[in-house]
Amino acid sequence: EVQLVESGGGLVQAGGSLRLSCAASGFAFDRHVMCWFRQAPGKERDGISCIDISDGGIYYEDSVKGRFTIASDNAKSTVYLQMNSLKPEDTAVYFCAAGWSGGAWYRGPNLKYGIDNWGKGILVTVSS
């Protein structure tokens, strides 16, 4: 059974930091692209960062570039999202997601179409 379990969310003040973790199991981690999405109230779910575990390729959406860092620990089948300089507009439910590696599908605004599996999500709230 495929499982993606997020942890590390919570409440933080603007300018602060949080690190999200996603523990993956039940599939070939090293042949997948692991992504983070977020969904704010009343808005669509958007992909914000991905890492191709097979070759280390990384993507960041413009709004998080320079503030968020994605990384993986392949031995633990875990992917992280370090979030710095958080802003109130970063408040959202954050989802971990996985899709098969191959091609550059994850480098762009339509990356959700490459996703096969989703975590349940975790809430991040940034207070002003």
C-alpha atoms as a PDB file:
ATOM      1  CA  GLU A   1       0.000   0.000   0.000  1.00  0.00           C
ATOM      2  CA  VAL A   2       1.342   3.392  -0.997  1.00  0.00           C
ATOM      3  CA  GLN A   3       1.590   5.813   1.904  1.00  0.00           C
ATOM      4  CA  LEU A   4       2.723   9.422   2.027  1.00  0.00           C
ATOM      5  CA  VAL A   5       2.621  10.839   5.542  1.00  0.00           C
ATOM      6  CA  GLU A   6       3.280  14.514   6.140  1.00  0.00           C
ATOM      7  CA  SER A   7       4.495  15.983   9.414  1.00  0.00           C
ATOM      8  CA  GLY A   8       5.953  19.215  10.750  1.00  0.00           C
ATOM      9  CA  GLY A   9       3.135  21.641  10.099  1.00  0.00           C
ATOM     10  CA  GLY A  10       1.729  24.096  12.602  1.00  0.00           C
ATOM     11  CA  LEU A  11       1.473  27.743  13.519  1.00  0.00           C
ATOM     12  CA  VAL A  12       4.376  30.135  12.988  1.00  0.00           C
ATOM     13  CA  GLN A  13       4.781  33.887  12.937  1.00  0.00           C
ATOM     14  CA  ALA A  14       5.574  35.748   9.749  1.00  0.00           C
ATOM     15  CA  GLY A  15       9.289  35.630   9.069  1.00  0.00           C
ATOM     16  CA  GLY A  16       9.663  32.316  10.822  1.00  0.00           C
ATOM     17  CA  SER A  17      10.565  28.854   9.561  1.00  0.00           C
ATOM     18  CA  LEU A  18       9.096  25.382   9.449  1.00  0.00           C
ATOM     19  CA  ARG A  19      10.332  22.109   8.032  1.00  0.00           C
ATOM     20  CA  LEU A  20       7.825  19.695   6.577  1.00  0.00           C
ATOM     21  CA  SER A  21       8.611  16.012   6.228  1.00  0.00           C
ATOM     22  CA  CYS A  22       6.983  13.374   4.063  1.00  0.00           C
ATOM     23  CA  ALA A  23       7.646   9.737   4.845  1.00  0.00           C
ATOM     24  CA  ALA A  24       7.000   7.536   1.820  1.00  0.00           C
ATOM     25  CA  SER A  25       6.409   3.798   1.697  1.00  0.00           C
ATOM     26  CA  GLY A  26       4.938   1.115  -0.527  1.00  0.00           C
ATOM     27  CA  PHE A  27       6.544   2.144  -3.808  1.00  0.00           C
ATOM     28  CA  ALA A  28       9.920   2.570  -5.538  1.00  0.00           C
ATOM     29  CA  PHE A  29      10.971   5.857  -4.001  1.00  0.00           C
ATOM     30  CA  ASP A  30      14.119   6.118  -6.119  1.00  0.00           C
ATOM     31  CA  ARG A  31      12.122   6.005  -9.353  1.00  0.00           C
ATOM     32  CA  HIS A  32       9.770   8.786  -8.476  1.00  0.00           C
ATOM     33  CA  VAL A  33       9.465  12.529  -8.434  1.00  0.00           C
ATOM     34  CA  MET A  34       8.388  13.803  -5.037  1.00  0.00           C
ATOM     35  CA  CYS A  35       6.483  17.058  -4.882  1.00  0.00           C
ATOM     36  CA  TRP A  36       4.918  19.464  -2.454  1.00  0.00           C
ATOM     37  CA  PHE A  37       1.617  21.120  -3.219  1.00  0.00           C
ATOM     38  CA  ARG A  38      -0.405  23.574  -1.208  1.00  0.00           C
ATOM     39  CA  GLN A  39      -4.019  24.602  -1.144  1.00  0.00           C
ATOM     40  CA  ALA A  40      -5.224  27.775   0.511  1.00  0.00           C
ATOM     41  CA  PRO A  41      -8.899  28.171   1.478  1.00  0.00           C
ATOM     42  CA  GLY A  42     -11.030  28.737  -1.607  1.00  0.00           C
ATOM     43  CA  LYS A  43      -8.119  28.246  -3.982  1.00  0.00           C
ATOM     44  CA  GLU A  44      -6.812  25.509  -6.218  1.00  0.00           C
ATOM     45  CA  ARG A  45      -4.126  23.066  -5.187  1.00  0.00           C
ATOM     46  CA  ASP A  46      -0.838  24.294  -6.643  1.00  0.00           C
ATOM     47  CA  GLY A  47       2.491  22.554  -7.013  1.00  0.00           C
ATOM     48  CA  ILE A  48       5.287  24.517  -5.374  1.00  0.00           C
ATOM     49  CA  SER A  49       8.340  22.271  -5.444  1.00  0.00           C
ATOM     50  CA  CYS A  50       9.491  18.914  -6.716  1.00  0.00           C
ATOM     51  CA  ILE A  51      12.591  16.758  -6.592  1.00  0.00           C
ATOM     52  CA  ASP A  52      13.344  13.946  -9.011  1.00  0.00           C
ATOM     53  CA  ILE A  53      14.789  11.265  -6.768  1.00  0.00           C
ATOM     54  CA  SER A  54      16.379   9.421  -9.729  1.00  0.00           C
ATOM     55  CA  ASP A  55      18.580  12.310 -10.884  1.00  0.00           C
ATOM     56  CA  GLY A  56      18.260  15.106  -8.320  1.00  0.00           C
ATOM     57  CA  GLY A  57      16.410  17.500 -10.593  1.00  0.00           C
ATOM     58  CA  ILE A  58      14.580  20.213  -8.675  1.00  0.00           C
ATOM     59  CA  TYR A  59      11.756  22.605  -9.438  1.00  0.00           C
ATOM     60  CA  TYR A  60      10.441  25.594  -7.505  1.00  0.00           C
ATOM     61  CA  GLU A  61       7.416  27.673  -8.266  1.00  0.00           C
ATOM     62  CA  ASP A  62       8.242  31.361  -8.438  1.00  0.00           C
ATOM     63  CA  SER A  63       6.463  32.363  -5.227  1.00  0.00           C
ATOM     64  CA  VAL A  64       8.686  30.113  -3.079  1.00  0.00           C
ATOM     65  CA  LYS A  65      12.014  30.444  -4.900  1.00  0.00           C
ATOM     66  CA  GLY A  66      14.749  31.620  -2.564  1.00  0.00           C
ATOM     67  CA  ARG A  67      12.663  30.888   0.540  1.00  0.00           C
ATOM     68  CA  PHE A  68      11.836  27.177   0.363  1.00  0.00           C
ATOM     69  CA  THR A  69      14.271  24.290  -0.110  1.00  0.00           C
ATOM     70  CA  ILE A  70      13.337  20.747  -1.048  1.00  0.00           C
ATOM     71  CA  ALA A  71      15.580  17.827  -0.143  1.00  0.00           C
ATOM     72  CA  SER A  72      15.406  14.071   0.187  1.00  0.00           C
ATOM     73  CA  ASP A  73      16.901  11.378   2.369  1.00  0.00           C
ATOM     74  CA  ASN A  74      16.761   8.390   0.071  1.00  0.00           C
ATOM     75  CA  ALA A  75      17.833   5.946   2.775  1.00  0.00           C
ATOM     76  CA  LYS A  76      14.758   6.970   4.762  1.00  0.00           C
ATOM     77  CA  SER A  77      12.454   7.410   1.733  1.00  0.00           C
ATOM     78  CA  THR A  78      11.665  10.843   3.084  1.00  0.00           C
ATOM     79  CA  VAL A  79      11.386  14.210   1.415  1.00  0.00           C
ATOM     80  CA  TYR A  80      11.600  17.526   3.231  1.00  0.00           C
ATOM     81  CA  LEU A  81      10.494  21.066   2.583  1.00  0.00           C
ATOM     82  CA  GLN A  82      12.403  23.688   4.516  1.00  0.00           C
ATOM     83  CA  MET A  83      10.336  26.859   4.566  1.00  0.00           C
ATOM     84  CA  ASN A  84      12.017  30.094   5.582  1.00  0.00           C
ATOM     85  CA  SER A  85      10.878  33.721   5.632  1.00  0.00           C
ATOM     86  CA  LEU A  86       7.298  32.565   5.844  1.00  0.00           C
ATOM     87  CA  LYS A  87       4.522  34.984   4.925  1.00  0.00           C
ATOM     88  CA  PRO A  88       0.821  34.991   5.832  1.00  0.00           C
ATOM     89  CA  GLU A  89       0.065  34.137   2.203  1.00  0.00           C
ATOM     90  CA  ASP A  90       1.925  30.846   2.681  1.00  0.00           C
ATOM     91  CA  THR A  91      -0.925  29.713   4.922  1.00  0.00           C
ATOM     92  CA  ALA A  92      -2.381  26.572   3.376  1.00  0.00           C
ATOM     93  CA  VAL A  93      -2.757  22.842   3.644  1.00  0.00           C
ATOM     94  CA  TYR A  94       0.453  21.333   2.308  1.00  0.00           C
ATOM     95  CA  PHE A  95       0.355  18.011   0.477  1.00  0.00           C
ATOM     96  CA  CYS A  96       3.104  15.574  -0.347  1.00  0.00           C
ATOM     97  CA  ALA A  97       2.719  13.863  -3.707  1.00  0.00           C
ATOM     98  CA  ALA A  98       4.537  11.364  -5.926  1.00  0.00           C
ATOM     99  CA  GLY A  99       4.736  10.674  -9.633  1.00  0.00           C
ATOM    100  CA  TRP A 100       6.893   8.451 -11.811  1.00  0.00           C
ATOM    101  CA  SER A 101      10.223   9.852 -12.850  1.00  0.00           C
ATOM    102  CA  GLY A 102      10.740  10.433 -16.584  1.00  0.00           C
ATOM    103  CA  GLY A 103      10.778  13.661 -18.524  1.00  0.00           C
ATOM    104  CA  ALA A 104      10.316  17.184 -17.276  1.00  0.00           C
ATOM    105  CA  TRP A 105       6.600  17.020 -16.446  1.00  0.00           C
ATOM    106  CA  TYR A 106       7.235  18.312 -12.953  1.00  0.00           C
ATOM    107  CA  ARG A 107       8.858  21.533 -14.114  1.00  0.00           C
ATOM    108  CA  GLY A 108       5.846  23.691 -14.690  1.00  0.00           C
ATOM    109  CA  PRO A 109       2.365  24.796 -13.671  1.00  0.00           C
ATOM    110  CA  ASN A 110       0.637  21.593 -14.839  1.00  0.00           C
ATOM    111  CA  LEU A 111       2.721  19.230 -12.773  1.00  0.00           C
ATOM    112  CA  LYS A 112      -0.325  17.897 -10.929  1.00  0.00           C
ATOM    113  CA  TYR A 113      -1.172  15.802 -13.992  1.00  0.00           C
ATOM    114  CA  GLY A 114       1.929  13.697 -13.384  1.00  0.00           C
ATOM    115  CA  ILE A 115       0.976  12.807  -9.815  1.00  0.00           C
ATOM    116  CA  ASP A 116      -0.102   9.266  -8.963  1.00  0.00           C
ATOM    117  CA  ASN A 117      -0.339   9.405  -5.204  1.00  0.00           C
ATOM    118  CA  TRP A 118      -1.148  12.011  -2.579  1.00  0.00           C
ATOM    119  CA  GLY A 119      -0.675  12.442   1.126  1.00  0.00           C
ATOM    120  CA  LYS A 120      -3.546  13.605   3.297  1.00  0.00           C
ATOM    121  CA  GLY A 121      -2.089  17.041   3.851  1.00  0.00           C
ATOM    122  CA  ILE A 122      -0.961  19.076   6.808  1.00  0.00           C
ATOM    123  CA  LEU A 123      -1.911  22.573   7.843  1.00  0.00           C
ATOM    124  CA  VAL A 124       0.591  25.421   7.937  1.00  0.00           C
ATOM    125  CA  THR A 125      -0.630  28.695   9.399  1.00  0.00           C
ATOM    126  CA  VAL A 126       1.478  31.839   9.245  1.00  0.00           C
ATOM    127  CA  SER A 127       0.302  34.645  11.478  1.00  0.00           C
ATOM    128  CA  SER A 128       1.005  38.293  10.742  1.00  0.00           C
END
